[in-house]
Amino acid sequence: MSDAPLHLSVLDLATREYGQSNTEALQGSIDMAVRAEQLGYERFWVAEHHGMPGITSSAPAVLLSAVGAATSTIRIGSGGVMLPNHAPLVIAEQFGTLRALYGDRVDLGIGRAPGTDGATAMALRRTDRLDVDDFPQQLADLVGFFTGMEESNPLARIRAVPGYGDVPEFWLLGSSGYSAQVAGALGIPFAFAHHFASDNTEAALALYHQAFRPSRFRSEPLALIGVQVVTDEDPAVVDEQSAPGMISFIRMRQGAKPEPVSMEEARAYEFSDLERRFIAARTERQAYGSRDQVAAKINELVESTGADGVIVAPGAAQARYRHQALEVVAGLHAEGRLVRPGVAVA
């Protein structure tokens, strides 16, 4: 047994900076995908969020089509599509189309949360039924539209075109033990949202490995964790680039849907003691700081969780520093400083 390199991926929200248009924010996401490909990342995912003024990735399949056209080798996918918001047939047709256009580099990451507030979820689903109790059946239907359904399924006669036979790589995303167990039982890869729910990571990944059963999709488990990265050799820059996102997150937790925060507003903002404690707790298990600090934190998290790789979620306010996060992590990887300890290497 010896150390092995980590799998490296990127999660992007198509962040709209203060003063930017939606067009500029979406182009920024495409630019980041191109840079990630140049740096050797394995996959580039975009999220699904709704009604958030600072996030423009509300339609992953549409954005991924543009990302796919601008790249050629990097895997592209959703991180993820929130299944309760959509009819499984629609997702199958959308990602079947992406698979037909961009071949076997398409990932379909599925989540079970709404990715928004209750009112917006109702508008998306056109129903006031907001529970996720039927998630397992929705997931089975979605997979069935790609691979074929049991004859007993009422939807078995419906053909997704494109979709049927155009099978992407399935991933289940989550921030709980339940999602980890479902992914394991289905024998598909699992991505844990450590970048915003860091308290349960070790337990969730342990449940995934315990529940994993080989399937037509994978013979062995594959688990990634999202890690927020803000990095610079100057600690003041790290603090400055982190501040707008932290202010927005605090306001969101207070029930607001905040507009992007300018650098000027962030510099003038006076955090309360309670807010500072909240920020410290939120960033403690993320990769904030210098190159050495980022390397140490990522390796610490990989060792404690048993993850096979990390999904870099750049958290800086400005695009140049989000790109810098990708460059620093890729550089550390190229230097052999990011590893999976105790992994058999041929």
Protein backbone atom coordinates (compact mmCIF):
# COMPACT_ATOMS: atom_id res chain seq x y z
CA MET A 1 0.00 0.00 0.00
CA SER A 2 1.24 3.50 -0.85
CA ASP A 3 -0.12 6.97 -1.42
CA ALA A 4 -2.06 7.69 -4.63
CA PRO A 5 -3.04 10.97 -6.31
CA LEU A 6 -6.45 12.47 -5.59
CA HIS A 7 -9.27 12.83 -8.07
CA LEU A 8 -9.75 16.59 -8.63
CA SER A 9 -13.00 18.20 -9.73
CA VAL A 10 -14.58 21.66 -9.71
CA LEU A 11 -18.02 22.86 -8.60
CA ASP A 12 -19.13 26.23 -9.95
CA LEU A 13 -22.20 28.32 -9.09
CA ALA A 14 -21.84 30.80 -11.97
CA THR A 15 -21.32 33.50 -9.35
CA ARG A 16 -22.57 36.98 -10.23
CA GLU A 17 -20.18 39.50 -8.76
CA TYR A 18 -21.30 42.94 -7.66
CA GLY A 19 -22.04 45.06 -10.75
CA GLN A 20 -22.00 42.12 -13.16
CA SER A 21 -24.77 41.14 -15.56
CA ASN A 22 -26.12 37.61 -15.79
CA THR A 23 -24.37 37.34 -19.17
CA GLU A 24 -21.01 38.16 -17.60
CA ALA A 25 -21.58 35.71 -14.75
CA LEU A 26 -22.46 32.85 -17.09
CA GLN A 27 -19.50 33.62 -19.34
CA GLY A 28 -17.36 33.54 -16.21
CA SER A 29 -18.52 29.99 -15.54
CA ILE A 30 -17.58 28.94 -19.06
CA ASP A 31 -14.19 30.61 -18.67
CA MET A 32 -13.62 28.72 -15.43
CA ALA A 33 -14.43 25.42 -17.12
CA VAL A 34 -11.89 26.15 -19.85
CA ARG A 35 -9.26 26.98 -17.22
CA ALA A 36 -10.08 23.84 -15.23
CA GLU A 37 -9.57 21.75 -18.36
CA GLN A 38 -6.21 23.44 -19.03
CA LEU A 39 -5.14 22.65 -15.47
CA GLY A 40 -6.01 18.96 -15.77
CA TYR A 41 -9.11 18.70 -13.59
CA GLU A 42 -11.18 15.58 -14.22
CA ARG A 43 -14.64 17.11 -14.10
CA PHE A 44 -16.46 20.44 -14.00
CA TRP A 45 -19.89 20.55 -12.39
CA VAL A 46 -22.46 23.32 -12.11
CA ALA A 47 -25.06 23.55 -9.37
CA GLU A 48 -28.80 24.19 -9.40
CA HIS A 49 -30.00 27.12 -7.29
CA HIS A 50 -33.08 29.26 -7.74
CA GLY A 51 -34.03 32.80 -6.79
CA MET A 52 -30.58 33.78 -5.53
CA PRO A 53 -29.37 37.07 -7.04
CA GLY A 54 -25.69 36.17 -6.66
CA ILE A 55 -25.96 32.73 -8.31
CA THR A 56 -26.89 32.31 -11.98
CA SER A 57 -26.66 28.52 -12.29
CA SER A 58 -30.40 27.86 -12.20
CA ALA A 59 -30.54 25.74 -15.38
CA PRO A 60 -27.63 23.25 -15.29
CA ALA A 61 -28.43 21.46 -18.56
CA VAL A 62 -28.51 24.73 -20.51
CA LEU A 63 -25.26 26.02 -18.99
CA LEU A 64 -23.58 22.63 -19.50
CA SER A 65 -24.36 22.75 -23.19
CA ALA A 66 -22.31 25.95 -23.46
CA VAL A 67 -19.57 24.49 -21.25
CA GLY A 68 -19.44 21.37 -23.38
CA ALA A 69 -19.06 23.41 -26.55
CA ALA A 70 -16.15 25.37 -25.05
CA THR A 71 -14.24 22.30 -23.80
CA SER A 72 -13.16 18.97 -25.25
CA THR A 73 -11.73 16.61 -22.63
CA ILE A 74 -12.94 17.53 -19.14
CA ARG A 75 -16.01 15.73 -17.82
CA ILE A 76 -19.02 18.06 -17.49
CA GLY A 77 -21.99 17.56 -15.24
CA SER A 78 -24.54 18.72 -12.72
CA GLY A 79 -23.60 19.15 -9.12
CA GLY A 80 -26.45 18.60 -9.07
CA VAL A 81 -29.90 18.60 -10.61
CA MET A 82 -32.46 18.69 -7.79
CA LEU A 83 -34.71 15.79 -8.72
CA PRO A 84 -37.81 16.86 -6.74
CA ASN A 85 -37.99 20.03 -8.88
CA HIS A 86 -38.29 18.20 -12.20
CA ALA A 87 -40.08 15.40 -13.98
CA PRO A 88 -37.61 12.52 -14.42
CA LEU A 89 -38.48 12.32 -18.13
CA VAL A 90 -37.43 15.94 -18.67
CA ILE A 91 -34.07 15.37 -16.96
CA ALA A 92 -33.54 12.21 -19.02
CA GLU A 93 -34.20 14.07 -22.25
CA GLN A 94 -31.97 16.99 -21.27
CA PHE A 95 -29.02 14.87 -20.19
CA GLY A 96 -29.61 12.39 -22.98
CA THR A 97 -29.22 15.35 -25.34
CA LEU A 98 -25.99 16.38 -23.59
CA ARG A 99 -24.73 12.80 -23.79
CA ALA A 100 -25.55 12.67 -27.51
CA LEU A 101 -23.73 15.96 -28.07
CA TYR A 102 -20.69 15.49 -25.85
CA GLY A 103 -20.27 11.74 -25.57
CA ASP A 104 -19.16 9.82 -22.53
CA ARG A 105 -17.82 12.84 -20.62
CA VAL A 106 -21.27 13.75 -19.20
CA ASP A 107 -22.06 13.27 -15.48
CA LEU A 108 -25.59 13.44 -14.09
CA GLY A 109 -25.35 14.38 -10.42
CA ILE A 110 -28.69 14.15 -8.63
CA GLY A 111 -29.75 15.80 -5.37
CA ARG A 112 -32.90 15.43 -3.29
CA ALA A 113 -33.14 18.94 -1.81
CA PRO A 114 -35.10 21.72 -3.55
CA GLY A 115 -32.15 24.12 -3.76
CA THR A 116 -34.41 27.02 -2.86
CA ASP A 117 -37.17 28.21 -0.52
CA GLY A 118 -40.62 26.66 -0.27
CA ALA A 119 -42.44 29.24 -2.39
CA THR A 120 -39.95 28.93 -5.24
CA ALA A 121 -40.09 25.13 -4.98
CA MET A 122 -43.88 25.34 -5.37
CA ALA A 123 -43.46 27.51 -8.46
CA LEU A 124 -40.98 25.04 -9.97
CA ARG A 125 -43.09 21.97 -9.25
CA ARG A 126 -46.50 23.62 -9.71
CA THR A 127 -47.74 21.81 -6.62
CA ASP A 128 -47.82 22.44 -2.89
CA ARG A 129 -46.59 18.91 -2.22
CA LEU A 130 -43.00 19.57 -1.20
CA ASP A 131 -41.99 16.37 0.57
CA VAL A 132 -39.27 14.11 -0.81
CA ASP A 133 -40.81 10.80 0.22
CA ASP A 134 -41.08 9.69 -3.40
CA PHE A 135 -37.41 10.39 -4.14
CA PRO A 136 -36.47 6.68 -4.46
CA GLN A 137 -39.20 6.11 -7.05
CA GLN A 138 -38.28 9.30 -8.90
CA LEU A 139 -34.67 8.16 -9.01
CA ALA A 140 -35.65 4.69 -10.23
CA ASP A 141 -37.79 6.25 -12.97
CA LEU A 142 -34.96 8.57 -14.03
CA VAL A 143 -32.43 5.75 -14.30
CA GLY A 144 -35.06 3.64 -16.08
CA PHE A 145 -35.57 6.25 -18.79
CA PHE A 146 -31.88 5.81 -19.66
CA THR A 147 -31.46 2.06 -19.18
CA GLY A 148 -34.94 0.53 -19.48
CA MET A 149 -37.70 -0.08 -16.94
CA GLU A 150 -39.41 -3.06 -15.40
CA GLU A 151 -42.51 -4.08 -17.35
CA SER A 152 -44.61 -3.42 -14.24
CA ASN A 153 -43.68 0.28 -14.19
CA PRO A 154 -46.57 2.37 -15.61
CA LEU A 155 -43.96 4.50 -17.43
CA ALA A 156 -42.29 1.53 -19.14
CA ARG A 157 -43.84 2.32 -22.54
CA ILE A 158 -42.50 5.88 -22.56
CA ARG A 159 -39.24 6.36 -24.46
CA ALA A 160 -36.87 9.23 -23.66
CA VAL A 161 -35.41 10.48 -26.96
CA PRO A 162 -32.58 11.38 -26.59
CA GLY A 163 -32.11 9.57 -23.33
CA TYR A 164 -32.65 5.85 -23.70
CA GLY A 165 -29.26 4.32 -24.42
CA ASP A 166 -27.49 7.68 -23.97
CA VAL A 167 -26.44 6.89 -20.41
CA PRO A 168 -24.42 9.51 -18.49
CA GLU A 169 -22.38 8.67 -15.41
CA PHE A 170 -24.80 8.77 -12.48
CA TRP A 171 -23.82 10.41 -9.19
CA LEU A 172 -25.88 10.93 -6.06
CA LEU A 173 -25.16 14.13 -4.15
CA GLY A 174 -26.07 14.78 -0.56
CA SER A 175 -25.33 16.23 2.85
CA SER A 176 -26.79 13.42 4.95
CA GLY A 177 -26.35 9.78 5.81
CA TYR A 178 -29.58 8.93 3.99
CA SER A 179 -28.23 10.01 0.60
CA ALA A 180 -24.98 8.17 1.30
CA GLN A 181 -26.84 4.94 2.00
CA VAL A 182 -29.01 5.27 -1.11
CA ALA A 183 -25.93 5.84 -3.28
CA GLY A 184 -24.22 2.82 -1.75
CA ALA A 185 -27.23 0.55 -2.14
CA LEU A 186 -27.56 1.55 -5.82
CA GLY A 187 -23.86 1.07 -6.46
CA ILE A 188 -23.26 4.56 -7.84
CA PRO A 189 -20.67 7.23 -6.99
CA PHE A 190 -21.41 9.62 -4.13
CA ALA A 191 -20.45 13.27 -3.64
CA PHE A 192 -20.85 14.81 -0.19
CA ALA A 193 -21.51 18.54 0.19
CA HIS A 194 -18.81 19.14 2.79
CA HIS A 195 -18.36 22.69 1.47
CA PHE A 196 -21.57 23.74 3.20
CA ALA A 197 -22.38 20.85 5.58
CA SER A 198 -19.10 19.82 7.17
CA ASP A 199 -20.32 18.30 10.45
CA ASN A 200 -21.40 14.90 9.11
CA THR A 201 -18.83 14.12 6.43
CA GLU A 202 -16.93 11.26 8.06
CA ALA A 203 -20.11 9.50 9.19
CA ALA A 204 -21.78 9.86 5.79
CA LEU A 205 -18.83 8.47 3.85
CA ALA A 206 -18.55 5.56 6.27
CA LEU A 207 -22.23 4.78 5.65
CA TYR A 208 -21.69 4.96 1.89
CA HIS A 209 -18.85 2.45 2.00
CA GLN A 210 -20.78 0.14 4.33
CA ALA A 211 -23.87 0.25 2.11
CA PHE A 212 -22.08 -0.07 -1.23
CA ARG A 213 -23.12 -2.97 -3.43
CA PRO A 214 -21.50 -3.56 -6.84
CA SER A 215 -23.83 -2.66 -9.70
CA ARG A 216 -23.96 -2.32 -13.45
CA PHE A 217 -22.55 1.17 -12.92
CA ARG A 218 -19.58 0.49 -10.60
CA SER A 219 -17.79 -2.48 -9.12
CA GLU A 220 -16.17 -0.40 -6.35
CA PRO A 221 -17.25 2.68 -4.37
CA LEU A 222 -16.20 6.16 -5.45
CA ALA A 223 -16.69 9.11 -3.10
CA LEU A 224 -15.78 12.78 -3.45
CA ILE A 225 -16.17 15.66 -1.00
CA GLY A 226 -16.76 19.32 -1.80
CA VAL A 227 -14.22 21.67 -0.22
CA GLN A 228 -14.42 25.44 -0.34
CA VAL A 229 -11.07 26.99 -1.25
CA VAL A 230 -9.93 30.60 -0.87
CA THR A 231 -6.19 30.97 -1.12
CA ASP A 232 -3.41 33.54 -1.27
CA GLU A 233 -0.05 33.92 0.41
CA ASP A 234 -1.30 37.16 1.99
CA PRO A 235 -3.79 36.41 4.82
CA ALA A 236 -5.35 39.84 4.33
CA VAL A 237 -6.30 38.91 0.76
CA VAL A 238 -7.88 35.66 1.94
CA ASP A 239 -9.95 37.57 4.48
CA GLU A 240 -10.94 40.24 1.95
CA GLN A 241 -11.93 37.73 -0.73
CA SER A 242 -13.91 35.66 1.80
CA ALA A 243 -15.85 38.54 3.31
CA PRO A 244 -18.51 39.23 0.62
CA GLY A 245 -19.54 35.57 0.52
CA MET A 246 -19.67 35.37 4.30
CA ILE A 247 -21.86 38.47 4.52
CA SER A 248 -24.21 37.04 1.89
CA PHE A 249 -24.36 33.70 3.71
CA ILE A 250 -25.16 35.39 7.03
CA ARG A 251 -27.94 37.40 5.39
CA MET A 252 -29.29 34.29 3.71
CA ARG A 253 -29.38 32.49 7.06
CA GLN A 254 -31.42 35.44 8.33
CA GLY A 255 -34.03 34.81 5.64
CA ALA A 256 -32.89 37.31 2.99
CA LYS A 257 -32.04 36.71 -0.66
CA PRO A 258 -29.03 39.00 -0.74
CA GLU A 259 -27.74 40.87 -3.72
CA PRO A 260 -23.99 40.47 -4.42
CA VAL A 261 -21.87 42.35 -1.89
CA SER A 262 -19.33 44.84 -3.23
CA MET A 263 -15.74 44.81 -2.06
CA GLU A 264 -16.25 48.32 -0.65
CA GLU A 265 -19.25 47.24 1.42
CA ALA A 266 -17.37 44.17 2.65
CA ARG A 267 -14.38 46.24 3.74
CA ALA A 268 -16.64 48.58 5.72
CA TYR A 269 -18.75 45.79 7.27
CA GLU A 270 -18.24 45.27 10.99
CA PHE A 271 -18.83 41.64 11.95
CA SER A 272 -20.33 41.08 15.38
CA ASP A 273 -18.66 38.67 17.80
CA LEU A 274 -21.41 36.15 17.09
CA GLU A 275 -20.86 36.48 13.34
CA ARG A 276 -17.11 36.05 13.76
CA ARG A 277 -17.67 32.85 15.73
CA PHE A 278 -20.07 31.63 13.06
CA ILE A 279 -17.51 32.35 10.31
CA ALA A 280 -14.72 30.65 12.25
CA ALA A 281 -16.84 27.53 12.69
CA ARG A 282 -17.85 27.56 9.02
CA THR A 283 -14.30 27.94 7.68
CA GLU A 284 -12.51 25.66 10.17
CA ARG A 285 -12.99 22.57 7.99
CA GLN A 286 -12.53 24.29 4.64
CA ALA A 287 -9.30 25.14 2.80
CA TYR A 288 -8.63 28.80 3.51
CA GLY A 289 -5.14 30.28 3.52
CA SER A 290 -1.74 29.84 1.92
CA ARG A 291 -0.67 27.01 -0.41
CA ASP A 292 0.74 25.09 2.54
CA GLN A 293 -2.42 25.58 4.57
CA VAL A 294 -4.61 24.47 1.66
CA ALA A 295 -2.51 21.35 1.14
CA ALA A 296 -2.60 20.48 4.84
CA LYS A 297 -6.36 20.95 5.13
CA ILE A 298 -7.22 18.94 2.01
CA ASN A 299 -4.97 16.08 3.07
CA GLU A 300 -6.40 16.17 6.58
CA LEU A 301 -9.96 15.95 5.24
CA VAL A 302 -9.14 13.16 2.80
CA GLU A 303 -7.47 11.13 5.51
CA SER A 304 -10.31 11.58 8.02
CA THR A 305 -13.10 10.87 5.53
CA GLY A 306 -11.56 8.26 3.23
CA ALA A 307 -12.62 10.29 0.20
CA ASP A 308 -11.20 9.41 -3.20
CA GLY A 309 -11.00 13.04 -4.25
CA VAL A 310 -12.11 16.59 -3.70
CA ILE A 311 -14.45 18.89 -5.56
CA VAL A 312 -12.95 22.36 -5.37
CA ALA A 313 -15.62 24.98 -4.68
CA PRO A 314 -13.87 28.34 -5.15
CA GLY A 315 -15.22 30.79 -2.57
CA ALA A 316 -13.47 34.05 -3.45
CA ALA A 317 -15.44 37.14 -4.36
CA GLN A 318 -13.52 37.94 -7.54
CA ALA A 319 -12.93 35.72 -10.55
CA ARG A 320 -9.14 36.11 -10.58
CA TYR A 321 -8.96 34.64 -7.07
CA ARG A 322 -11.43 31.86 -7.90
CA HIS A 323 -9.14 30.93 -10.78
CA GLN A 324 -6.20 31.21 -8.40
CA ALA A 325 -7.83 28.58 -6.17
CA LEU A 326 -7.97 26.16 -9.09
CA GLU A 327 -4.37 26.93 -10.03
CA VAL A 328 -3.04 26.44 -6.50
CA VAL A 329 -4.82 23.10 -5.95
CA ALA A 330 -3.79 21.84 -9.40
CA GLY A 331 -0.20 22.87 -8.67
CA LEU A 332 -0.18 21.06 -5.35
CA HIS A 333 -1.57 17.98 -7.09
CA ALA A 334 1.12 18.14 -9.79
CA GLU A 335 3.78 18.35 -7.08
CA GLY A 336 2.45 15.18 -5.46
CA ARG A 337 1.39 17.02 -2.32
CA LEU A 338 -2.27 15.96 -2.43
CA VAL A 339 -2.65 12.22 -1.93
CA ARG A 340 -4.95 9.44 -0.79
CA PRO A 341 -3.01 7.72 1.99
CA GLY A 342 -2.69 3.97 2.03
CA VAL A 343 -4.13 3.28 -1.44
CA ALA A 344 -2.85 0.39 -3.51
CA VAL A 345 -0.96 1.65 -6.56
CA ALA A 346 -0.14 -0.67 -9.44
